[in-house]
């Protein structure tokens, strides 16, 4: 398995253009949220408290394990972002009842912008080379946030 530094370095090679980077800084977290939102729409079971466990909850546990294998600090950051996504999903579902529609709409818009960013960059998206880059994109963003506040991944 590649190290986190190797993954981030290789991912960064196709994300050098400032416009493409900005698009990714916005769209990657949006896409992560929308995937959580789509999976949140699939209930699995309800707890005695009335809270419903969804496919999103189980998937985020598996995602956290993947990130933990790469870096414990990164995993903590991604778990926190995952929790924020779950809370936002719950809020949107309760407030509007339109979580599926919101998630699909944002997903499509964010991917269109991502592909436009790569057109500007002049390089293909990394995930076309290896699907694991779909998991590395959020880690790449989180690593920038960590560096900004003086933490290492």
N, C-alpha and C. Protein backbone atom coordinates (compact mmCIF):
# COMPACT_ATOMS: atom_id res chain seq x y z
N UNK A 1 0.84 -1.18 0.00
CA UNK A 1 0.00 0.00 0.00
C UNK A 1 0.88 1.24 0.00
N UNK A 2 0.50 2.23 -0.81
CA UNK A 2 1.25 3.48 -0.88
C UNK A 2 1.09 4.24 0.43
N UNK A 3 2.10 5.05 0.74
CA UNK A 3 2.00 5.91 1.92
C UNK A 3 1.09 7.10 1.58
N UNK A 4 0.62 7.78 2.61
CA UNK A 4 -0.22 8.95 2.40
C UNK A 4 0.54 10.00 1.59
N UNK A 5 1.80 10.21 1.91
CA UNK A 5 2.60 11.20 1.17
C UNK A 5 2.67 10.87 -0.32
N UNK A 6 2.81 9.58 -0.63
CA UNK A 6 2.85 9.17 -2.04
C UNK A 6 1.52 9.46 -2.73
N UNK A 7 0.41 9.10 -2.07
CA UNK A 7 -0.91 9.35 -2.64
C UNK A 7 -1.11 10.84 -2.87
N UNK A 8 -0.81 11.65 -1.86
CA UNK A 8 -1.05 13.09 -1.96
C UNK A 8 -0.16 13.73 -3.02
N UNK A 9 1.06 13.28 -3.11
CA UNK A 9 1.99 13.81 -4.11
C UNK A 9 1.50 13.49 -5.53
N UNK A 10 1.11 12.24 -5.74
CA UNK A 10 0.63 11.84 -7.07
C UNK A 10 -0.67 12.56 -7.41
N UNK A 11 -1.55 12.71 -6.44
CA UNK A 11 -2.81 13.42 -6.68
C UNK A 11 -2.53 14.88 -7.03
N UNK A 12 -1.59 15.47 -6.32
CA UNK A 12 -1.25 16.87 -6.54
C UNK A 12 -0.68 17.16 -7.91
N UNK A 13 -0.09 16.14 -8.55
CA UNK A 13 0.50 16.33 -9.88
C UNK A 13 -0.53 16.81 -10.90
N UNK A 14 -1.77 16.36 -10.77
CA UNK A 14 -2.80 16.77 -11.74
C UNK A 14 -3.69 17.87 -11.18
N UNK A 15 -3.18 18.56 -10.15
CA UNK A 15 -3.94 19.65 -9.52
C UNK A 15 -2.99 20.81 -9.21
N UNK A 16 -2.34 21.33 -10.25
CA UNK A 16 -1.38 22.41 -10.10
C UNK A 16 -1.96 23.77 -10.47
N UNK A 17 -2.88 23.79 -11.41
CA UNK A 17 -3.46 25.04 -11.87
C UNK A 17 -4.28 25.68 -10.75
N UNK A 18 -4.07 26.98 -10.47
CA UNK A 18 -4.80 27.63 -9.38
C UNK A 18 -6.33 27.56 -9.52
N UNK A 19 -6.83 27.66 -10.74
CA UNK A 19 -8.28 27.57 -10.94
C UNK A 19 -8.78 26.17 -10.62
N UNK A 20 -8.08 25.17 -11.11
CA UNK A 20 -8.47 23.78 -10.83
C UNK A 20 -8.38 23.49 -9.34
N UNK A 21 -7.34 24.00 -8.69
CA UNK A 21 -7.21 23.80 -7.24
C UNK A 21 -8.40 24.41 -6.50
N UNK A 22 -8.78 25.63 -6.87
CA UNK A 22 -9.90 26.29 -6.21
C UNK A 22 -11.19 25.51 -6.43
N UNK A 23 -11.39 25.05 -7.65
CA UNK A 23 -12.58 24.24 -7.94
C UNK A 23 -12.60 23.01 -7.04
N UNK A 24 -11.45 22.37 -6.89
CA UNK A 24 -11.38 21.17 -6.04
C UNK A 24 -11.59 21.49 -4.57
N UNK A 25 -11.06 22.61 -4.11
CA UNK A 25 -11.24 22.99 -2.70
C UNK A 25 -12.72 23.17 -2.35
N UNK A 26 -13.52 23.57 -3.34
CA UNK A 26 -14.95 23.72 -3.12
C UNK A 26 -15.69 22.42 -3.42
N UNK A 27 -15.41 21.84 -4.57
CA UNK A 27 -16.22 20.72 -5.07
C UNK A 27 -15.95 19.39 -4.39
N UNK A 28 -14.72 19.10 -4.01
CA UNK A 28 -14.44 17.82 -3.36
C UNK A 28 -15.21 17.68 -2.05
N UNK A 29 -15.20 18.68 -1.16
CA UNK A 29 -16.04 18.54 0.05
C UNK A 29 -17.53 18.45 -0.28
N UNK A 30 -17.97 19.17 -1.30
CA UNK A 30 -19.38 19.10 -1.70
C UNK A 30 -19.71 17.69 -2.18
N UNK A 31 -18.85 17.11 -3.00
CA UNK A 31 -19.11 15.76 -3.51
C UNK A 31 -19.10 14.76 -2.36
N UNK A 32 -18.17 14.89 -1.44
CA UNK A 32 -18.14 14.01 -0.27
C UNK A 32 -19.47 14.11 0.47
N UNK A 33 -19.93 15.34 0.71
CA UNK A 33 -21.21 15.54 1.38
C UNK A 33 -22.35 14.90 0.60
N UNK A 34 -22.38 15.09 -0.71
CA UNK A 34 -23.50 14.57 -1.49
C UNK A 34 -23.53 13.05 -1.49
N UNK A 35 -22.37 12.43 -1.49
CA UNK A 35 -22.35 10.96 -1.41
C UNK A 35 -22.89 10.52 -0.06
N UNK A 36 -22.48 11.21 1.00
CA UNK A 36 -23.05 10.92 2.33
C UNK A 36 -24.57 11.13 2.28
N UNK A 37 -25.00 12.21 1.65
CA UNK A 37 -26.43 12.49 1.54
C UNK A 37 -27.19 11.41 0.79
N UNK A 38 -26.63 10.96 -0.30
CA UNK A 38 -27.30 9.89 -1.07
C UNK A 38 -27.40 8.61 -0.24
N UNK A 39 -26.32 8.27 0.45
CA UNK A 39 -26.32 7.05 1.28
C UNK A 39 -27.19 7.21 2.52
N UNK A 40 -27.33 8.44 2.99
CA UNK A 40 -28.18 8.73 4.15
C UNK A 40 -29.65 8.45 3.82
N UNK A 41 -29.97 8.53 2.56
CA UNK A 41 -31.36 8.29 2.12
C UNK A 41 -31.73 6.81 2.13
N UNK A 42 -30.78 5.94 2.44
CA UNK A 42 -31.04 4.49 2.48
C UNK A 42 -31.02 4.03 3.94
N UNK A 43 -32.20 3.91 4.56
CA UNK A 43 -32.24 3.49 5.97
C UNK A 43 -31.93 2.01 6.13
N UNK A 44 -31.31 1.66 7.25
CA UNK A 44 -31.03 0.25 7.55
C UNK A 44 -31.91 -0.24 8.70
N UNK A 45 -31.85 0.48 9.84
CA UNK A 45 -32.66 0.11 10.99
C UNK A 45 -32.76 1.29 11.93
N UNK A 46 -33.77 1.24 12.80
CA UNK A 46 -33.97 2.30 13.79
C UNK A 46 -33.55 1.82 15.16
N UNK A 47 -32.91 2.70 15.90
CA UNK A 47 -32.54 2.41 17.28
C UNK A 47 -33.76 2.62 18.17
N UNK A 48 -33.69 2.13 19.40
CA UNK A 48 -34.81 2.30 20.33
C UNK A 48 -35.09 3.78 20.61
N UNK A 49 -34.07 4.63 20.42
CA UNK A 49 -34.24 6.07 20.63
C UNK A 49 -35.00 6.72 19.48
N UNK A 50 -35.20 5.96 18.41
CA UNK A 50 -35.88 6.50 17.24
C UNK A 50 -34.93 6.97 16.15
N UNK A 51 -33.63 7.03 16.45
CA UNK A 51 -32.64 7.45 15.45
C UNK A 51 -32.45 6.33 14.44
N UNK A 52 -32.41 6.67 13.17
CA UNK A 52 -32.26 5.68 12.11
C UNK A 52 -30.80 5.59 11.67
N UNK A 53 -30.31 4.37 11.65
CA UNK A 53 -28.97 4.10 11.11
C UNK A 53 -29.14 3.87 9.61
N UNK A 54 -28.31 4.54 8.83
CA UNK A 54 -28.40 4.46 7.38
C UNK A 54 -27.14 3.85 6.78
N UNK A 55 -27.17 3.64 5.49
CA UNK A 55 -25.98 3.16 4.78
C UNK A 55 -24.84 4.16 4.95
N UNK A 56 -25.16 5.44 5.06
CA UNK A 56 -24.12 6.46 5.24
C UNK A 56 -23.33 6.23 6.52
N UNK A 57 -24.00 5.88 7.60
CA UNK A 57 -23.31 5.63 8.87
C UNK A 57 -22.31 4.49 8.75
N UNK A 58 -22.74 3.40 8.15
CA UNK A 58 -21.86 2.23 8.00
C UNK A 58 -20.71 2.56 7.06
N UNK A 59 -21.02 3.24 5.96
CA UNK A 59 -19.99 3.59 4.99
C UNK A 59 -18.94 4.51 5.61
N UNK A 60 -19.38 5.47 6.42
CA UNK A 60 -18.42 6.38 7.05
C UNK A 60 -17.51 5.67 8.04
N UNK A 61 -17.99 4.62 8.68
CA UNK A 61 -17.12 3.83 9.55
C UNK A 61 -16.03 3.17 8.71
N UNK A 62 -16.42 2.60 7.57
CA UNK A 62 -15.44 1.96 6.69
C UNK A 62 -14.46 2.97 6.11
N UNK A 63 -14.97 4.14 5.75
CA UNK A 63 -14.11 5.21 5.23
C UNK A 63 -13.11 5.65 6.31
N UNK A 64 -13.57 5.75 7.55
CA UNK A 64 -12.67 6.14 8.65
C UNK A 64 -11.55 5.11 8.82
N UNK A 65 -11.87 3.84 8.69
CA UNK A 65 -10.85 2.79 8.79
C UNK A 65 -9.82 2.97 7.68
N UNK A 66 -10.29 3.21 6.45
CA UNK A 66 -9.37 3.43 5.32
C UNK A 66 -8.42 4.59 5.63
N UNK A 67 -8.99 5.72 6.07
CA UNK A 67 -8.14 6.87 6.37
C UNK A 67 -7.22 6.61 7.55
N UNK A 68 -7.70 5.86 8.53
CA UNK A 68 -6.86 5.54 9.69
C UNK A 68 -5.63 4.74 9.25
N UNK A 69 -5.80 3.85 8.27
CA UNK A 69 -4.67 3.08 7.75
C UNK A 69 -3.63 3.99 7.09
N UNK A 70 -4.08 5.13 6.58
CA UNK A 70 -3.16 6.08 5.96
C UNK A 70 -2.54 7.03 6.98
N UNK A 71 -3.37 7.50 7.94
CA UNK A 71 -2.90 8.49 8.91
C UNK A 71 -3.96 8.69 9.99
N UNK A 72 -3.57 8.50 11.24
CA UNK A 72 -4.52 8.70 12.35
C UNK A 72 -5.02 10.14 12.43
N UNK A 73 -4.14 11.15 12.35
CA UNK A 73 -4.65 12.53 12.40
C UNK A 73 -5.62 12.83 11.25
N UNK A 74 -5.28 12.35 10.06
CA UNK A 74 -6.16 12.54 8.91
C UNK A 74 -7.51 11.88 9.17
N UNK A 75 -7.49 10.69 9.72
CA UNK A 75 -8.73 9.96 10.01
C UNK A 75 -9.60 10.76 10.97
N UNK A 76 -9.01 11.36 11.98
CA UNK A 76 -9.77 12.17 12.94
C UNK A 76 -10.44 13.34 12.21
N UNK A 77 -9.69 14.02 11.35
CA UNK A 77 -10.25 15.14 10.59
C UNK A 77 -11.38 14.68 9.69
N UNK A 78 -11.21 13.55 9.04
CA UNK A 78 -12.25 13.05 8.14
C UNK A 78 -13.47 12.57 8.92
N UNK A 79 -13.26 11.99 10.09
CA UNK A 79 -14.40 11.58 10.92
C UNK A 79 -15.20 12.81 11.34
N UNK A 80 -14.50 13.87 11.74
CA UNK A 80 -15.19 15.11 12.12
C UNK A 80 -15.99 15.67 10.95
N UNK A 81 -15.39 15.66 9.77
CA UNK A 81 -16.12 16.15 8.59
C UNK A 81 -17.31 15.22 8.29
N UNK A 82 -17.12 13.92 8.45
CA UNK A 82 -18.21 12.97 8.24
C UNK A 82 -19.37 13.23 9.19
N UNK A 83 -19.05 13.54 10.43
CA UNK A 83 -20.10 13.86 11.42
C UNK A 83 -20.84 15.13 11.01
N UNK A 84 -20.10 16.13 10.56
CA UNK A 84 -20.73 17.36 10.08
C UNK A 84 -21.67 17.05 8.92
N UNK A 85 -21.23 16.19 8.01
CA UNK A 85 -22.07 15.81 6.87
C UNK A 85 -23.34 15.11 7.34
N UNK A 86 -23.21 14.18 8.29
CA UNK A 86 -24.39 13.49 8.82
C UNK A 86 -25.37 14.46 9.46
N UNK A 87 -24.85 15.40 10.23
CA UNK A 87 -25.72 16.38 10.89
C UNK A 87 -26.42 17.27 9.86
N UNK A 88 -25.68 17.65 8.83
CA UNK A 88 -26.27 18.47 7.77
C UNK A 88 -27.33 17.68 7.01
N UNK A 89 -27.07 16.41 6.77
CA UNK A 89 -28.07 15.55 6.11
C UNK A 89 -29.34 15.47 6.95
N UNK A 90 -29.17 15.25 8.22
CA UNK A 90 -30.32 15.15 9.12
C UNK A 90 -31.12 16.47 9.10
N UNK A 91 -30.40 17.58 9.15
CA UNK A 91 -31.06 18.88 9.13
C UNK A 91 -31.84 19.09 7.83
N UNK A 92 -31.20 18.84 6.70
CA UNK A 92 -31.86 19.03 5.40
C UNK A 92 -33.08 18.12 5.27
N UNK A 93 -32.92 16.87 5.70
CA UNK A 93 -34.04 15.92 5.61
C UNK A 93 -35.21 16.38 6.47
N UNK A 94 -34.93 16.82 7.68
CA UNK A 94 -36.00 17.26 8.57
C UNK A 94 -36.60 18.60 8.14
N UNK A 95 -35.77 19.50 7.68
CA UNK A 95 -36.23 20.85 7.34
C UNK A 95 -36.98 20.90 6.01
N UNK A 96 -36.51 20.10 5.04
CA UNK A 96 -37.08 20.22 3.70
C UNK A 96 -37.69 18.93 3.17
N UNK A 97 -37.22 17.80 3.68
CA UNK A 97 -37.65 16.52 3.14
C UNK A 97 -37.09 16.26 1.75
N UNK A 98 -36.12 17.07 1.33
CA UNK A 98 -35.59 16.99 -0.03
C UNK A 98 -34.10 16.61 -0.10
N UNK A 99 -33.65 15.81 0.85
CA UNK A 99 -32.22 15.47 0.88
C UNK A 99 -31.77 14.79 -0.40
N UNK A 100 -32.57 13.89 -0.92
CA UNK A 100 -32.19 13.19 -2.16
C UNK A 100 -32.04 14.17 -3.31
N UNK A 101 -32.99 15.06 -3.47
CA UNK A 101 -32.95 16.04 -4.54
C UNK A 101 -31.76 16.99 -4.38
N UNK A 102 -31.54 17.47 -3.18
CA UNK A 102 -30.41 18.37 -2.90
C UNK A 102 -29.09 17.65 -3.21
N UNK A 103 -28.97 16.40 -2.75
CA UNK A 103 -27.73 15.64 -2.95
C UNK A 103 -27.46 15.39 -4.43
N UNK A 104 -28.48 14.96 -5.17
CA UNK A 104 -28.30 14.69 -6.60
C UNK A 104 -27.93 15.97 -7.33
N UNK A 105 -28.65 17.05 -7.05
CA UNK A 105 -28.38 18.32 -7.73
C UNK A 105 -26.96 18.83 -7.49
N UNK A 106 -26.55 18.84 -6.23
CA UNK A 106 -25.19 19.30 -5.91
C UNK A 106 -24.13 18.37 -6.47
N UNK A 107 -24.40 17.08 -6.45
CA UNK A 107 -23.46 16.08 -6.99
C UNK A 107 -23.19 16.36 -8.46
N UNK A 108 -24.24 16.54 -9.23
CA UNK A 108 -24.10 16.78 -10.68
C UNK A 108 -23.35 18.09 -10.93
N UNK A 109 -23.74 19.14 -10.26
CA UNK A 109 -23.10 20.44 -10.45
C UNK A 109 -21.61 20.38 -10.07
N UNK A 110 -21.31 19.75 -8.94
CA UNK A 110 -19.91 19.69 -8.49
C UNK A 110 -19.05 18.87 -9.45
N UNK A 111 -19.59 17.78 -9.99
CA UNK A 111 -18.80 16.99 -10.94
C UNK A 111 -18.59 17.73 -12.25
N UNK A 112 -19.59 18.45 -12.70
CA UNK A 112 -19.41 19.26 -13.92
C UNK A 112 -18.28 20.26 -13.70
N UNK A 113 -18.28 20.93 -12.55
CA UNK A 113 -17.23 21.88 -12.24
C UNK A 113 -15.86 21.20 -12.13
N UNK A 114 -15.83 20.01 -11.55
CA UNK A 114 -14.56 19.28 -11.43
C UNK A 114 -13.97 18.98 -12.81
N UNK A 115 -14.83 18.48 -13.72
CA UNK A 115 -14.33 18.17 -15.07
C UNK A 115 -13.91 19.44 -15.80
N UNK A 116 -14.62 20.54 -15.58
CA UNK A 116 -14.22 21.82 -16.16
C UNK A 116 -12.84 22.22 -15.61
N UNK A 117 -12.65 22.05 -14.30
CA UNK A 117 -11.36 22.37 -13.69
C UNK A 117 -10.22 21.57 -14.31
N UNK A 118 -10.48 20.31 -14.60
CA UNK A 118 -9.45 19.50 -15.24
C UNK A 118 -9.23 19.89 -16.69
N UNK A 119 -10.26 20.38 -17.35
CA UNK A 119 -10.09 20.90 -18.71
C UNK A 119 -9.16 22.12 -18.67
N UNK A 120 -9.38 23.00 -17.69
CA UNK A 120 -8.51 24.17 -17.51
C UNK A 120 -7.08 23.70 -17.21
N UNK A 121 -6.96 22.70 -16.34
CA UNK A 121 -5.65 22.15 -15.95
C UNK A 121 -4.95 21.51 -17.15
N UNK A 122 -5.74 20.88 -18.03
CA UNK A 122 -5.15 20.17 -19.16
C UNK A 122 -4.71 18.76 -18.80
N UNK A 123 -5.20 18.25 -17.67
CA UNK A 123 -4.85 16.90 -17.24
C UNK A 123 -6.11 16.15 -16.85
N UNK A 124 -6.09 14.84 -17.07
CA UNK A 124 -7.24 14.02 -16.72
C UNK A 124 -7.37 13.89 -15.21
N UNK A 125 -8.60 13.68 -14.73
CA UNK A 125 -8.79 13.43 -13.29
C UNK A 125 -8.02 12.19 -12.85
N UNK A 126 -7.46 12.25 -11.65
CA UNK A 126 -6.63 11.16 -11.13
C UNK A 126 -7.38 9.85 -11.01
N UNK A 127 -8.69 9.92 -10.69
CA UNK A 127 -9.43 8.68 -10.47
C UNK A 127 -9.57 7.84 -11.73
N UNK A 128 -9.31 8.43 -12.91
CA UNK A 128 -9.34 7.65 -14.14
C UNK A 128 -8.16 6.68 -14.19
N UNK A 129 -7.11 6.99 -13.44
CA UNK A 129 -5.93 6.14 -13.34
C UNK A 129 -6.12 5.07 -12.25
N UNK A 130 -6.72 5.47 -11.13
CA UNK A 130 -6.93 4.56 -10.00
C UNK A 130 -8.12 5.08 -9.19
N UNK A 131 -9.13 4.24 -9.01
CA UNK A 131 -10.35 4.66 -8.31
C UNK A 131 -10.09 5.08 -6.86
N UNK A 132 -8.97 4.64 -6.29
CA UNK A 132 -8.67 5.04 -4.91
C UNK A 132 -8.49 6.56 -4.78
N UNK A 133 -8.21 7.22 -5.90
CA UNK A 133 -8.05 8.67 -5.85
C UNK A 133 -9.36 9.36 -5.48
N UNK A 134 -10.50 8.66 -5.63
CA UNK A 134 -11.77 9.23 -5.17
C UNK A 134 -11.76 9.40 -3.66
N UNK A 135 -10.97 8.58 -2.96
CA UNK A 135 -10.82 8.70 -1.51
C UNK A 135 -9.67 9.66 -1.16
N UNK A 136 -8.73 9.79 -2.06
CA UNK A 136 -7.56 10.64 -1.80
C UNK A 136 -7.91 12.12 -1.97
N UNK A 137 -8.84 12.44 -2.85
CA UNK A 137 -9.24 13.84 -3.03
C UNK A 137 -9.62 14.52 -1.72
N UNK A 138 -10.54 13.93 -0.93
CA UNK A 138 -10.87 14.54 0.35
C UNK A 138 -9.67 14.61 1.30
N UNK A 139 -8.81 13.59 1.26
CA UNK A 139 -7.61 13.60 2.11
C UNK A 139 -6.67 14.73 1.69
N UNK A 140 -6.59 14.98 0.39
CA UNK A 140 -5.74 16.05 -0.13
C UNK A 140 -6.22 17.41 0.39
N UNK A 141 -7.53 17.61 0.36
CA UNK A 141 -8.11 18.85 0.88
C UNK A 141 -7.85 18.96 2.39
N UNK A 142 -8.11 17.86 3.12
CA UNK A 142 -7.91 17.86 4.57
C UNK A 142 -6.44 18.13 4.91
N UNK A 143 -5.52 17.58 4.12
CA UNK A 143 -4.10 17.81 4.39
C UNK A 143 -3.75 19.29 4.26
N UNK A 144 -4.36 19.99 3.29
CA UNK A 144 -4.14 21.44 3.16
C UNK A 144 -4.68 22.18 4.37
N UNK A 145 -5.85 21.79 4.83
CA UNK A 145 -6.42 22.43 6.02
C UNK A 145 -5.52 22.20 7.24
N UNK A 146 -5.02 20.98 7.38
CA UNK A 146 -4.11 20.68 8.49
C UNK A 146 -2.87 21.56 8.44
N UNK A 147 -2.28 21.69 7.24
CA UNK A 147 -1.08 22.51 7.10
C UNK A 147 -1.35 23.97 7.44
N UNK A 148 -2.54 24.46 7.04
CA UNK A 148 -2.91 25.85 7.32
C UNK A 148 -2.95 26.14 8.82
N UNK A 149 -3.38 25.15 9.63
CA UNK A 149 -3.47 25.38 11.07
C UNK A 149 -2.27 24.81 11.83
N UNK A 150 -1.27 24.37 11.07
CA UNK A 150 -0.02 23.94 11.68
C UNK A 150 0.01 22.50 12.18
N UNK A 151 -0.89 21.67 11.68
CA UNK A 151 -0.89 20.25 12.06
C UNK A 151 -0.28 19.42 10.95
N UNK A 152 0.29 18.29 11.30
CA UNK A 152 0.81 17.39 10.29
C UNK A 152 -0.13 16.19 10.15
N UNK A 153 -0.15 15.66 8.94
CA UNK A 153 -0.97 14.48 8.69
C UNK A 153 -0.10 13.26 8.78
